[in-house]
Amino acid sequence: MNTFKKAGLAIAVASSMAFAQGNLWGTDDEKFMSLQVLFDGVRECWAGSPPDEMGQSPCYESTGGWWFGYAENGGSTLQAHIGNEWVNFGAAPSPRLTDAMGLSLIGSGFSLKYYAGPAEAEDKPGLAAIGVNVLQNPNTGGENVAAKGGVCVVYRSNEDINLELGWHEATYGYNTFQALLPASAAGRMINLTWDATATGRTSGDFSRETWAPLHDIAVALNDLRALKFPLKNTTTTPIAADFTLCELGWAGSCSSTYTCSGSTPIIGGGAVAVNAVNLKIAGRMLSLAVERSTAVQIINLQGAVVYSQTLTPAKQLMNLSNLPTGVYMVRVPDLGYANKILLK
């Protein structure tokens, strides 16, 4: 499966690891490094290999926790709203969800446009989907999630979408257990639960097609390889869906109060007018085009303010030549703006 790799760093690993263990993913890049899904194996990687002073970690080179997209049959396509534009997410390589400094490019929701074309045969439906790999190498093993009890999702969609438990497809085929995410125009939180001891084609909210070979749900739960969100079309009429994913976790861990507002750009966790800030850096000279006089802070990895200066529309340059090489946060408190930079 096609995954993307992070090309940058995460600054708040300590806060990420302290976040609720049942909560796997959300749109906050300070809690979820590079918007990587924090399955158990991914958490263990980050706990053992936090970013160094240059923001590098082997956890960025794994495939565990990374989103991928695919589209098959009937001219199906998948697009994602990334960096203020709609891009193809159904071909290799899948675009990153963060920029080179690890900041979110998807805003307050991972917004997608599914197009599932007409089915070509009973076992070849029109198909568009996103998914996320569980372990560093999904071809050599997965995780045992039977005791988790289920999955919770915060989402919105104008069509029914499924959540699918990905198993070892080369052994068991491509049609595994799925649960329904009903269409919802407003943001919705749903818990989808399973019975790990169930036999047959139904287990809690999950079921499997009757025409597919029979396997119990334990096959997927004892060796989970991926979680997927497919739109399958078994008819001769194309289906289009607008789907936004905002939060993902094990059952019972998603927000009790939630919003899922889609693709509004977010910078450093706070919404900012598009023209309010325009940051550029050349060598050790930082240029920050501001529309009014404002204080700018430079913060190191320990959270300390190491340099501050007031910029104005007429004076927009900061000389950072006295700072050591490393990763910093640029913060403009009265604009609610934050961004990460790397000084070489």
C-alpha atoms as a PDB file:
ATOM      1  CA  MET A   1       0.000   0.000   0.000  1.00  0.00           C
ATOM      2  CA  ASN A   2       1.143   3.512  -0.702  1.00  0.00           C
ATOM      3  CA  THR A   3       2.046   5.651   2.286  1.00  0.00           C
ATOM      4  CA  PHE A   4       3.635   9.035   2.664  1.00  0.00           C
ATOM      5  CA  LYS A   5       6.676   9.889   4.753  1.00  0.00           C
ATOM      6  CA  LYS A   6       7.156  12.862   7.010  1.00  0.00           C
ATOM      7  CA  ALA A   7       9.860  15.277   5.860  1.00  0.00           C
ATOM      8  CA  GLY A   8      10.392  17.407   8.933  1.00  0.00           C
ATOM      9  CA  LEU A   9       9.925  17.291  12.683  1.00  0.00           C
ATOM     10  CA  ALA A  10       7.550  17.405  15.606  1.00  0.00           C
ATOM     11  CA  ILE A  11       8.153  19.786  18.445  1.00  0.00           C
ATOM     12  CA  ALA A  12       5.775  18.577  21.135  1.00  0.00           C
ATOM     13  CA  VAL A  13       6.572  14.879  21.489  1.00  0.00           C
ATOM     14  CA  ALA A  14       6.286  14.948  25.275  1.00  0.00           C
ATOM     15  CA  SER A  15       2.734  16.281  25.149  1.00  0.00           C
ATOM     16  CA  SER A  16       1.894  13.794  22.401  1.00  0.00           C
ATOM     17  CA  MET A  17       2.969  10.813  24.477  1.00  0.00           C
ATOM     18  CA  ALA A  18       1.056  12.116  27.483  1.00  0.00           C
ATOM     19  CA  PHE A  19      -2.159  12.325  25.472  1.00  0.00           C
ATOM     20  CA  ALA A  20      -4.903   9.803  26.208  1.00  0.00           C
ATOM     21  CA  GLN A  21      -3.725   6.380  25.092  1.00  0.00           C
ATOM     22  CA  GLY A  22      -7.105   5.494  23.627  1.00  0.00           C
ATOM     23  CA  ASN A  23      -7.112   8.515  21.346  1.00  0.00           C
ATOM     24  CA  LEU A  24      -5.210   7.657  18.180  1.00  0.00           C
ATOM     25  CA  TRP A  25      -5.521  10.636  15.889  1.00  0.00           C
ATOM     26  CA  GLY A  26      -6.900  14.123  15.455  1.00  0.00           C
ATOM     27  CA  THR A  27      -6.115  17.268  13.498  1.00  0.00           C
ATOM     28  CA  ASP A  28      -3.893  18.830  16.198  1.00  0.00           C
ATOM     29  CA  ASP A  29      -0.287  18.544  14.988  1.00  0.00           C
ATOM     30  CA  GLU A  30       1.012  19.282  18.513  1.00  0.00           C
ATOM     31  CA  LYS A  31      -0.652  16.129  19.882  1.00  0.00           C
ATOM     32  CA  PHE A  32      -0.206  13.887  16.840  1.00  0.00           C
ATOM     33  CA  MET A  33       3.262  14.272  15.316  1.00  0.00           C
ATOM     34  CA  SER A  34       2.931  14.909  11.583  1.00  0.00           C
ATOM     35  CA  LEU A  35      -0.671  13.733  11.976  1.00  0.00           C
ATOM     36  CA  GLN A  36       0.670  10.194  12.347  1.00  0.00           C
ATOM     37  CA  VAL A  37      -1.858   7.757  13.868  1.00  0.00           C
ATOM     38  CA  LEU A  38      -0.534   6.619  17.245  1.00  0.00           C
ATOM     39  CA  PHE A  39      -1.130   2.882  17.303  1.00  0.00           C
ATOM     40  CA  ASP A  40       0.679   1.039  20.114  1.00  0.00           C
ATOM     41  CA  GLY A  41       3.721   0.211  17.992  1.00  0.00           C
ATOM     42  CA  VAL A  42       3.958   3.800  16.778  1.00  0.00           C
ATOM     43  CA  ARG A  43       3.760   5.133  20.361  1.00  0.00           C
ATOM     44  CA  GLU A  44       6.504   2.714  21.407  1.00  0.00           C
ATOM     45  CA  CYS A  45       8.690   3.940  18.563  1.00  0.00           C
ATOM     46  CA  TRP A  46       8.269   7.578  19.584  1.00  0.00           C
ATOM     47  CA  ALA A  47       8.849   6.784  23.274  1.00  0.00           C
ATOM     48  CA  GLY A  48      12.126   5.064  22.404  1.00  0.00           C
ATOM     49  CA  SER A  49      13.297   7.403  19.651  1.00  0.00           C
ATOM     50  CA  PRO A  50      12.171  11.008  20.245  1.00  0.00           C
ATOM     51  CA  PRO A  51      13.376  13.610  17.736  1.00  0.00           C
ATOM     52  CA  ASP A  52      16.952  14.768  18.167  1.00  0.00           C
ATOM     53  CA  GLU A  53      17.974  18.430  18.211  1.00  0.00           C
ATOM     54  CA  MET A  54      17.555  18.542  14.422  1.00  0.00           C
ATOM     55  CA  GLY A  55      14.074  17.046  14.658  1.00  0.00           C
ATOM     56  CA  GLN A  56      15.034  13.651  13.193  1.00  0.00           C
ATOM     57  CA  SER A  57      13.725  10.267  14.355  1.00  0.00           C
ATOM     58  CA  PRO A  58      13.560   6.790  12.763  1.00  0.00           C
ATOM     59  CA  CYS A  59       9.820   6.845  13.521  1.00  0.00           C
ATOM     60  CA  TYR A  60       9.406   9.181  10.556  1.00  0.00           C
ATOM     61  CA  GLU A  61      10.791   6.458   8.270  1.00  0.00           C
ATOM     62  CA  SER A  62       8.355   3.745   9.318  1.00  0.00           C
ATOM     63  CA  THR A  63       5.095   3.042   7.516  1.00  0.00           C
ATOM     64  CA  GLY A  64       3.143   2.657  10.766  1.00  0.00           C
ATOM     65  CA  GLY A  65       0.544   5.346  11.396  1.00  0.00           C
ATOM     66  CA  TRP A  66       0.677   6.973   7.942  1.00  0.00           C
ATOM     67  CA  TRP A  67      -2.408   7.641   5.824  1.00  0.00           C
ATOM     68  CA  PHE A  68      -2.710   6.347   2.273  1.00  0.00           C
ATOM     69  CA  GLY A  69      -5.406   6.526  -0.409  1.00  0.00           C
ATOM     70  CA  TYR A  70      -6.542   4.277  -3.242  1.00  0.00           C
ATOM     71  CA  ALA A  71      -9.234   4.117  -5.924  1.00  0.00           C
ATOM     72  CA  GLU A  72     -10.157   1.135  -8.098  1.00  0.00           C
ATOM     73  CA  ASN A  73     -12.573   0.118 -10.888  1.00  0.00           C
ATOM     74  CA  GLY A  74     -15.112   2.142 -12.824  1.00  0.00           C
ATOM     75  CA  GLY A  75     -12.939   5.242 -13.090  1.00  0.00           C
ATOM     76  CA  SER A  76     -13.045   5.794  -9.317  1.00  0.00           C
ATOM     77  CA  THR A  77     -11.057   8.691  -7.849  1.00  0.00           C
ATOM     78  CA  LEU A  78     -10.162  10.138  -4.458  1.00  0.00           C
ATOM     79  CA  GLN A  79      -9.176  13.728  -3.661  1.00  0.00           C
ATOM     80  CA  ALA A  80      -8.113  15.326  -0.384  1.00  0.00           C
ATOM     81  CA  HIS A  81      -8.121  18.984   0.659  1.00  0.00           C
ATOM     82  CA  ILE A  82      -4.460  19.607   1.523  1.00  0.00           C
ATOM     83  CA  GLY A  83      -2.747  22.979   1.704  1.00  0.00           C
ATOM     84  CA  ASN A  84      -5.780  24.948   0.496  1.00  0.00           C
ATOM     85  CA  GLU A  85      -6.272  22.886  -2.671  1.00  0.00           C
ATOM     86  CA  TRP A  86      -7.823  19.601  -3.744  1.00  0.00           C
ATOM     87  CA  VAL A  87      -5.181  17.041  -4.694  1.00  0.00           C
ATOM     88  CA  ASN A  88      -5.220  13.442  -5.904  1.00  0.00           C
ATOM     89  CA  PHE A  89      -5.005  11.093  -2.917  1.00  0.00           C
ATOM     90  CA  GLY A  90      -5.611   7.851  -4.750  1.00  0.00           C
ATOM     91  CA  ALA A  91      -2.210   7.255  -6.350  1.00  0.00           C
ATOM     92  CA  ALA A  92       1.377   6.743  -5.212  1.00  0.00           C
ATOM     93  CA  PRO A  93       2.835   8.511  -3.416  1.00  0.00           C
ATOM     94  CA  SER A  94       0.062   9.895  -1.221  1.00  0.00           C
ATOM     95  CA  PRO A  95       0.615  13.597  -0.388  1.00  0.00           C
ATOM     96  CA  ARG A  96       1.739  14.544   3.121  1.00  0.00           C
ATOM     97  CA  LEU A  97      -0.796  15.994   5.550  1.00  0.00           C
ATOM     98  CA  THR A  98       1.824  18.311   7.051  1.00  0.00           C
ATOM     99  CA  ASP A  99       4.327  20.745   5.637  1.00  0.00           C
ATOM    100  CA  ALA A 100       8.108  20.327   5.881  1.00  0.00           C
ATOM    101  CA  MET A 101       8.071  21.741   9.426  1.00  0.00           C
ATOM    102  CA  GLY A 102       5.376  19.389  10.655  1.00  0.00           C
ATOM    103  CA  LEU A 103       2.447  21.837  10.625  1.00  0.00           C
ATOM    104  CA  SER A 104      -0.997  20.642   9.565  1.00  0.00           C
ATOM    105  CA  LEU A 105      -2.049  21.175   5.959  1.00  0.00           C
ATOM    106  CA  ILE A 106      -5.585  19.859   6.463  1.00  0.00           C
ATOM    107  CA  GLY A 107      -7.032  22.422   8.879  1.00  0.00           C
ATOM    108  CA  SER A 108      -9.771  21.357  11.278  1.00  0.00           C
ATOM    109  CA  GLY A 109     -10.703  18.192   9.394  1.00  0.00           C
ATOM    110  CA  PHE A 110      -9.287  15.726   6.875  1.00  0.00           C
ATOM    111  CA  SER A 111     -11.701  16.531   4.036  1.00  0.00           C
ATOM    112  CA  LEU A 112     -12.032  14.108   1.115  1.00  0.00           C
ATOM    113  CA  LYS A 113     -14.017  13.809  -2.102  1.00  0.00           C
ATOM    114  CA  TYR A 114     -14.841  10.209  -2.989  1.00  0.00           C
ATOM    115  CA  TYR A 115     -15.978   9.158  -6.449  1.00  0.00           C
ATOM    116  CA  ALA A 116     -16.881   5.465  -6.683  1.00  0.00           C
ATOM    117  CA  GLY A 117     -17.571   4.572 -10.288  1.00  0.00           C
ATOM    118  CA  PRO A 118     -19.942   1.832 -11.476  1.00  0.00           C
ATOM    119  CA  ALA A 119     -19.114  -1.733 -10.456  1.00  0.00           C
ATOM    120  CA  GLU A 120     -17.360  -3.821 -13.095  1.00  0.00           C
ATOM    121  CA  ALA A 121     -18.442  -7.136 -11.481  1.00  0.00           C
ATOM    122  CA  GLU A 122     -19.793  -8.416  -8.157  1.00  0.00           C
ATOM    123  CA  ASP A 123     -16.271  -8.736  -6.811  1.00  0.00           C
ATOM    124  CA  LYS A 124     -15.068  -5.532  -8.544  1.00  0.00           C
ATOM    125  CA  PRO A 125     -17.085  -2.661  -7.078  1.00  0.00           C
ATOM    126  CA  GLY A 126     -16.280   0.953  -7.779  1.00  0.00           C
ATOM    127  CA  LEU A 127     -14.054   1.805  -4.838  1.00  0.00           C
ATOM    128  CA  ALA A 128     -12.444   4.875  -3.276  1.00  0.00           C
ATOM    129  CA  ALA A 129     -10.880   4.793   0.191  1.00  0.00           C
ATOM    130  CA  ILE A 130      -8.407   6.155   2.683  1.00  0.00           C
ATOM    131  CA  GLY A 131      -6.572   3.916   5.102  1.00  0.00           C
ATOM    132  CA  VAL A 132      -3.800   3.911   7.660  1.00  0.00           C
ATOM    133  CA  ASN A 133      -1.179   1.214   8.250  1.00  0.00           C
ATOM    134  CA  VAL A 134      -0.866  -0.055  11.819  1.00  0.00           C
ATOM    135  CA  LEU A 135       2.741  -1.259  12.121  1.00  0.00           C
ATOM    136  CA  GLN A 136       6.092  -0.226  10.701  1.00  0.00           C
ATOM    137  CA  ASN A 137       5.907  -3.036   8.141  1.00  0.00           C
ATOM    138  CA  PRO A 138       2.306  -4.104   7.413  1.00  0.00           C
ATOM    139  CA  ASN A 139       3.583  -7.076   5.369  1.00  0.00           C
ATOM    140  CA  THR A 140       5.236  -8.801   8.346  1.00  0.00           C
ATOM    141  CA  GLY A 141       2.701  -8.392  11.132  1.00  0.00           C
ATOM    142  CA  GLY A 142       0.030  -6.328  12.816  1.00  0.00           C
ATOM    143  CA  GLU A 143      -1.223  -5.593  16.320  1.00  0.00           C
ATOM    144  CA  ASN A 144      -3.614  -7.539  18.539  1.00  0.00           C
ATOM    145  CA  VAL A 145      -6.483  -5.109  19.203  1.00  0.00           C
ATOM    146  CA  ALA A 146      -9.146  -7.591  20.327  1.00  0.00           C
ATOM    147  CA  ALA A 147      -9.226  -6.147  23.856  1.00  0.00           C
ATOM    148  CA  LYS A 148      -9.796  -2.578  22.602  1.00  0.00           C
ATOM    149  CA  GLY A 149     -13.501  -3.339  22.172  1.00  0.00           C
ATOM    150  CA  GLY A 150     -14.045  -1.200  19.096  1.00  0.00           C
ATOM    151  CA  VAL A 151     -13.269   2.089  17.370  1.00  0.00           C
ATOM    152  CA  CYS A 152     -14.673   5.594  17.772  1.00  0.00           C
ATOM    153  CA  VAL A 153     -14.792   8.160  14.952  1.00  0.00           C
ATOM    154  CA  VAL A 154     -15.676  11.850  14.725  1.00  0.00           C
ATOM    155  CA  TYR A 155     -16.711  12.633  11.153  1.00  0.00           C
ATOM    156  CA  ARG A 156     -19.265  14.105   8.796  1.00  0.00           C
ATOM    157  CA  SER A 157     -20.393  12.784   5.410  1.00  0.00           C
ATOM    158  CA  ASN A 158     -23.197  13.235   2.877  1.00  0.00           C
ATOM    159  CA  GLU A 159     -23.132   9.486   2.076  1.00  0.00           C
ATOM    160  CA  ASP A 160     -22.760   6.293   4.090  1.00  0.00           C
ATOM    161  CA  ILE A 161     -19.078   5.343   4.509  1.00  0.00           C
ATOM    162  CA  ASN A 162     -17.672   2.149   6.014  1.00  0.00           C
ATOM    163  CA  LEU A 163     -14.889   1.536   8.504  1.00  0.00           C
ATOM    164  CA  GLU A 164     -12.976  -1.622   7.590  1.00  0.00           C
ATOM    165  CA  LEU A 165     -10.607  -3.796   9.637  1.00  0.00           C
ATOM    166  CA  GLY A 166      -7.625  -4.538   7.419  1.00  0.00           C
ATOM    167  CA  TRP A 167      -6.122  -8.010   7.771  1.00  0.00           C
ATOM    168  CA  HIS A 168      -3.473  -9.945   5.798  1.00  0.00           C
ATOM    169  CA  GLU A 169      -5.098  -9.670   2.384  1.00  0.00           C
ATOM    170  CA  ALA A 170      -2.786 -12.125   0.621  1.00  0.00           C
ATOM    171  CA  THR A 171      -4.098 -14.843   2.944  1.00  0.00           C
ATOM    172  CA  TYR A 172      -7.712 -13.875   3.616  1.00  0.00           C
ATOM    173  CA  GLY A 173      -8.769 -11.783   0.613  1.00  0.00           C
ATOM    174  CA  TYR A 174      -9.866  -8.180   0.204  1.00  0.00           C
ATOM    175  CA  ASN A 175     -13.298  -8.161   1.846  1.00  0.00           C
ATOM    176  CA  THR A 176     -12.875  -8.076   5.590  1.00  0.00           C
ATOM    177  CA  PHE A 177     -15.197  -6.963   8.418  1.00  0.00           C
ATOM    178  CA  GLN A 178     -16.809  -3.531   8.091  1.00  0.00           C
ATOM    179  CA  ALA A 179     -19.044  -1.248  10.161  1.00  0.00           C
ATOM    180  CA  LEU A 180     -21.269   1.547   8.912  1.00  0.00           C
ATOM    181  CA  LEU A 181     -20.639   5.260   9.373  1.00  0.00           C
ATOM    182  CA  PRO A 182     -24.113   6.618   8.529  1.00  0.00           C
ATOM    183  CA  ALA A 183     -24.402   9.809   6.512  1.00  0.00           C
ATOM    184  CA  SER A 184     -24.434  12.871   8.759  1.00  0.00           C
ATOM    185  CA  ALA A 185     -24.503  16.468   7.533  1.00  0.00           C
ATOM    186  CA  ALA A 186     -23.269  17.723  10.908  1.00  0.00           C
ATOM    187  CA  GLY A 187     -20.230  16.514  12.819  1.00  0.00           C
ATOM    188  CA  ARG A 188     -20.969  13.247  14.611  1.00  0.00           C
ATOM    189  CA  MET A 189     -19.183  10.964  17.068  1.00  0.00           C
ATOM    190  CA  ILE A 190     -19.885   7.238  16.810  1.00  0.00           C
ATOM    191  CA  ASN A 191     -18.591   4.165  18.678  1.00  0.00           C
ATOM    192  CA  LEU A 192     -18.356   0.990  16.590  1.00  0.00           C
ATOM    193  CA  THR A 193     -17.882  -2.037  18.837  1.00  0.00           C
ATOM    194  CA  TRP A 194     -17.029  -5.688  18.294  1.00  0.00           C
ATOM    195  CA  ASP A 195     -17.162  -9.008  20.146  1.00  0.00           C
ATOM    196  CA  ALA A 196     -13.747 -10.573  19.722  1.00  0.00           C
ATOM    197  CA  THR A 197     -15.126 -14.057  20.539  1.00  0.00           C
ATOM    198  CA  ALA A 198     -17.913 -13.971  17.944  1.00  0.00           C
ATOM    199  CA  THR A 199     -17.951 -16.507  15.139  1.00  0.00           C
ATOM    200  CA  GLY A 200     -19.497 -16.181  11.720  1.00  0.00           C
ATOM    201  CA  ARG A 201     -20.127 -13.067   9.663  1.00  0.00           C
ATOM    202  CA  THR A 202     -21.358 -10.673  12.380  1.00  0.00           C
ATOM    203  CA  SER A 203     -19.660  -9.286  15.479  1.00  0.00           C
ATOM    204  CA  GLY A 204     -21.236  -6.296  17.212  1.00  0.00           C
ATOM    205  CA  ASP A 205     -21.397  -3.441  14.702  1.00  0.00           C
ATOM    206  CA  PHE A 206     -19.104  -5.260  12.255  1.00  0.00           C
ATOM    207  CA  SER A 207     -20.081  -7.709   9.520  1.00  0.00           C
ATOM    208  CA  ARG A 208     -18.738  -9.352   6.372  1.00  0.00           C
ATOM    209  CA  GLU A 209     -20.317  -9.915   2.940  1.00  0.00           C
ATOM    210  CA  THR A 210     -22.108 -13.236   2.537  1.00  0.00           C
ATOM    211  CA  TRP A 211     -20.443 -14.071  -0.774  1.00  0.00           C
ATOM    212  CA  ALA A 212     -16.915 -13.783   0.665  1.00  0.00           C
ATOM    213  CA  PRO A 213     -15.108 -16.793   2.222  1.00  0.00           C
ATOM    214  CA  LEU A 214     -15.993 -17.328   5.882  1.00  0.00           C
ATOM    215  CA  HIS A 215     -13.519 -16.141   8.535  1.00  0.00           C
ATOM    216  CA  ASP A 216     -14.209 -15.049  12.118  1.00  0.00           C
ATOM    217  CA  ILE A 217     -13.488 -11.471  13.195  1.00  0.00           C
ATOM    218  CA  ALA A 218     -10.633 -12.703  15.421  1.00  0.00           C
ATOM    219  CA  VAL A 219      -8.572 -13.110  12.233  1.00  0.00           C
ATOM    220  CA  ALA A 220      -8.620  -9.327  11.847  1.00  0.00           C
ATOM    221  CA  LEU A 221      -8.522  -8.358  15.534  1.00  0.00           C
ATOM    222  CA  ASN A 222      -5.606 -10.584  16.513  1.00  0.00           C
ATOM    223  CA  ASP A 223      -3.457  -9.284  13.658  1.00  0.00           C
ATOM    224  CA  LEU A 224      -4.803  -5.900  12.559  1.00  0.00           C
ATOM    225  CA  ARG A 225      -2.830  -4.519   9.600  1.00  0.00           C
ATOM    226  CA  ALA A 226      -4.785  -1.331   8.778  1.00  0.00           C
ATOM    227  CA  LEU A 227      -7.925   0.698   9.359  1.00  0.00           C
ATOM    228  CA  LYS A 228      -9.703   1.844   6.193  1.00  0.00           C
ATOM    229  CA  PHE A 229     -12.592   4.128   5.284  1.00  0.00           C
ATOM    230  CA  PRO A 230     -13.946   2.844   1.935  1.00  0.00           C
ATOM    231  CA  LEU A 231     -16.866   3.918  -0.242  1.00  0.00           C
ATOM    232  CA  LYS A 232     -17.872   0.854  -2.262  1.00  0.00           C
ATOM    233  CA  ASN A 233     -20.297   0.995  -5.160  1.00  0.00           C
ATOM    234  CA  THR A 234     -21.896  -2.286  -6.252  1.00  0.00           C
ATOM    235  CA  THR A 235     -24.387  -0.598  -8.606  1.00  0.00           C
ATOM    236  CA  THR A 236     -24.146   0.678 -12.169  1.00  0.00           C
ATOM    237  CA  THR A 237     -24.663   4.299 -11.084  1.00  0.00           C
ATOM    238  CA  PRO A 238     -21.623   6.325  -9.847  1.00  0.00           C
ATOM    239  CA  ILE A 239     -21.620   7.562  -6.240  1.00  0.00           C
ATOM    240  CA  ALA A 240     -19.902  10.741  -5.039  1.00  0.00           C
ATOM    241  CA  ALA A 241     -19.345  11.507  -1.348  1.00  0.00           C
ATOM    242  CA  ASP A 242     -17.886  14.368   0.678  1.00  0.00           C
ATOM    243  CA  PHE A 243     -16.307  12.881   3.814  1.00  0.00           C
ATOM    244  CA  THR A 244     -14.449  14.670   6.616  1.00  0.00           C
ATOM    245  CA  LEU A 245     -12.537  12.793   9.323  1.00  0.00           C
ATOM    246  CA  CYS A 246     -11.726  14.742  12.485  1.00  0.00           C
ATOM    247  CA  GLU A 247     -10.888  12.220  15.208  1.00  0.00           C
ATOM    248  CA  LEU A 248     -10.100   8.521  15.555  1.00  0.00           C
ATOM    249  CA  GLY A 249      -9.602   6.368  18.645  1.00  0.00           C
ATOM    250  CA  TRP A 250     -10.420   3.159  20.420  1.00  0.00           C
ATOM    251  CA  ALA A 251     -14.033   2.864  21.569  1.00  0.00           C
ATOM    252  CA  GLY A 252     -14.976   5.366  24.249  1.00  0.00           C
ATOM    253  CA  SER A 253     -11.962   7.670  23.789  1.00  0.00           C
ATOM    254  CA  CYS A 254     -13.268  10.240  21.281  1.00  0.00           C
ATOM    255  CA  SER A 255     -14.395  13.694  22.368  1.00  0.00           C
ATOM    256  CA  SER A 256     -17.703  13.950  24.182  1.00  0.00           C
ATOM    257  CA  THR A 257     -17.975  17.466  22.772  1.00  0.00           C
ATOM    258  CA  TYR A 258     -16.778  17.739  19.210  1.00  0.00           C
ATOM    259  CA  THR A 259     -16.750  19.762  16.037  1.00  0.00           C
ATOM    260  CA  CYS A 260     -15.890  18.579  12.568  1.00  0.00           C
ATOM    261  CA  SER A 261     -15.894  21.704  10.458  1.00  0.00           C
ATOM    262  CA  GLY A 262     -13.817  20.615   7.481  1.00  0.00           C
ATOM    263  CA  SER A 263     -10.947  22.222   5.660  1.00  0.00           C
ATOM    264  CA  THR A 264     -10.592  25.700   7.232  1.00  0.00           C
ATOM    265  CA  PRO A 265      -6.829  26.429   7.285  1.00  0.00           C
ATOM    266  CA  ILE A 266      -5.248  26.305  10.734  1.00  0.00           C
ATOM    267  CA  ILE A 267      -1.790  27.593  11.621  1.00  0.00           C
ATOM    268  CA  GLY A 268      -0.208  26.326  14.828  1.00  0.00           C
ATOM    269  CA  GLY A 269      -3.603  25.404  16.275  1.00  0.00           C
ATOM    270  CA  GLY A 270      -5.213  28.837  15.896  1.00  0.00           C
ATOM    271  CA  ALA A 271      -7.247  30.122  12.975  1.00  0.00           C
ATOM    272  CA  VAL A 272      -5.577  33.100  11.288  1.00  0.00           C
ATOM    273  CA  ALA A 273      -6.700  35.353   8.466  1.00  0.00           C
ATOM    274  CA  VAL A 274      -4.920  34.279   5.297  1.00  0.00           C
ATOM    275  CA  ASN A 275      -3.189  37.637   4.823  1.00  0.00           C
ATOM    276  CA  ALA A 276      -2.399  38.289   8.491  1.00  0.00           C
ATOM    277  CA  VAL A 277       1.055  36.689   8.461  1.00  0.00           C
ATOM    278  CA  ASN A 278       3.477  35.818   5.670  1.00  0.00           C
ATOM    279  CA  LEU A 279       6.649  34.213   7.041  1.00  0.00           C
ATOM    280  CA  LYS A 280       9.822  33.660   5.016  1.00  0.00           C
ATOM    281  CA  ILE A 281      13.365  32.772   6.049  1.00  0.00           C
ATOM    282  CA  ALA A 282      16.630  33.147   4.131  1.00  0.00           C
ATOM    283  CA  GLY A 283      19.730  32.031   5.994  1.00  0.00           C
ATOM    284  CA  ARG A 284      19.435  33.644   9.429  1.00  0.00           C
ATOM    285  CA  MET A 285      17.181  36.498   8.288  1.00  0.00           C
ATOM    286  CA  LEU A 286      13.527  35.975   9.065  1.00  0.00           C
ATOM    287  CA  SER A 287      10.948  38.061   7.239  1.00  0.00           C
ATOM    288  CA  LEU A 288       7.486  38.321   8.712  1.00  0.00           C
ATOM    289  CA  ALA A 289       5.063  40.481   6.762  1.00  0.00           C
ATOM    290  CA  VAL A 290       2.528  41.787   9.281  1.00  0.00           C
ATOM    291  CA  GLU A 291      -0.376  44.118   8.720  1.00  0.00           C
ATOM    292  CA  ARG A 292       0.096  45.974  12.024  1.00  0.00           C
ATOM    293  CA  SER A 293       2.651  46.429  14.805  1.00  0.00           C
ATOM    294  CA  THR A 294       3.036  43.227  16.804  1.00  0.00           C
ATOM    295  CA  ALA A 295       5.450  41.413  19.122  1.00  0.00           C
ATOM    296  CA  VAL A 296       7.196  38.331  17.699  1.00  0.00           C
ATOM    297  CA  GLN A 297       8.803  35.669  19.903  1.00  0.00           C
ATOM    298  CA  ILE A 298      11.355  32.972  19.062  1.00  0.00           C
ATOM    299  CA  ILE A 299      10.982  29.915  21.324  1.00  0.00           C
ATOM    300  CA  ASN A 300      13.373  26.978  21.694  1.00  0.00           C
ATOM    301  CA  LEU A 301      12.502  23.288  22.087  1.00  0.00           C
ATOM    302  CA  GLN A 302      12.367  23.692  25.865  1.00  0.00           C
ATOM    303  CA  GLY A 303       9.637  26.315  25.550  1.00  0.00           C
ATOM    304  CA  ALA A 304      11.805  29.289  26.549  1.00  0.00           C
ATOM    305  CA  VAL A 305      11.615  32.628  24.721  1.00  0.00           C
ATOM    306  CA  VAL A 306      15.166  33.131  23.418  1.00  0.00           C
ATOM    307  CA  TYR A 307      14.541  36.226  21.312  1.00  0.00           C
ATOM    308  CA  SER A 308      11.743  38.742  20.862  1.00  0.00           C
ATOM    309  CA  GLN A 309      11.198  41.798  18.696  1.00  0.00           C
ATOM    310  CA  THR A 310       8.369  44.106  17.707  1.00  0.00           C
ATOM    311  CA  LEU A 311       7.748  44.142  13.977  1.00  0.00           C
ATOM    312  CA  THR A 312       5.731  46.674  12.016  1.00  0.00           C
ATOM    313  CA  PRO A 313       4.540  46.961   8.404  1.00  0.00           C
ATOM    314  CA  ALA A 314       7.633  49.126   7.824  1.00  0.00           C
ATOM    315  CA  LYS A 315      10.102  46.914   9.743  1.00  0.00           C
ATOM    316  CA  GLN A 316       9.615  43.233   8.991  1.00  0.00           C
ATOM    317  CA  LEU A 317      13.079  41.621   9.310  1.00  0.00           C
ATOM    318  CA  MET A 318      14.544  39.733  12.272  1.00  0.00           C
ATOM    319  CA  ASN A 319      18.251  38.861  12.434  1.00  0.00           C
ATOM    320  CA  LEU A 320      18.604  35.462  14.158  1.00  0.00           C
ATOM    321  CA  SER A 321      22.342  35.035  13.554  1.00  0.00           C
ATOM    322  CA  ASN A 322      23.090  34.899  17.293  1.00  0.00           C
ATOM    323  CA  LEU A 323      20.921  31.828  17.903  1.00  0.00           C
ATOM    324  CA  PRO A 324      22.403  28.306  17.889  1.00  0.00           C
ATOM    325  CA  THR A 325      21.569  25.904  15.076  1.00  0.00           C
ATOM    326  CA  GLY A 326      18.347  24.051  15.750  1.00  0.00           C
ATOM    327  CA  VAL A 327      14.571  24.037  15.691  1.00  0.00           C
ATOM    328  CA  TYR A 328      12.506  26.960  16.988  1.00  0.00           C
ATOM    329  CA  MET A 329       8.934  28.133  17.153  1.00  0.00           C
ATOM    330  CA  VAL A 330       8.001  31.574  15.835  1.00  0.00           C
ATOM    331  CA  ARG A 331       5.048  32.905  17.813  1.00  0.00           C
ATOM    332  CA  VAL A 332       2.946  36.041  17.353  1.00  0.00           C
ATOM    333  CA  PRO A 333       0.791  36.013  20.524  1.00  0.00           C
ATOM    334  CA  ASP A 334      -1.728  38.712  19.639  1.00  0.00           C
ATOM    335  CA  LEU A 335      -2.484  37.089  16.247  1.00  0.00           C
ATOM    336  CA  GLY A 336      -2.788  33.563  17.621  1.00  0.00           C
ATOM    337  CA  TYR A 337      -0.050  32.537  15.151  1.00  0.00           C
ATOM    338  CA  ALA A 338       2.731  29.962  15.555  1.00  0.00           C
ATOM    339  CA  ASN A 339       5.089  28.330  13.069  1.00  0.00           C
ATOM    340  CA  LYS A 340       8.209  26.191  13.233  1.00  0.00           C
ATOM    341  CA  ILE A 341      11.553  27.040  11.670  1.00  0.00           C
ATOM    342  CA  LEU A 342      14.908  25.312  11.320  1.00  0.00           C
ATOM    343  CA  LEU A 343      18.075  27.413  11.653  1.00  0.00           C
ATOM    344  CA  LYS A 344      21.076  25.824   9.959  1.00  0.00           C
END
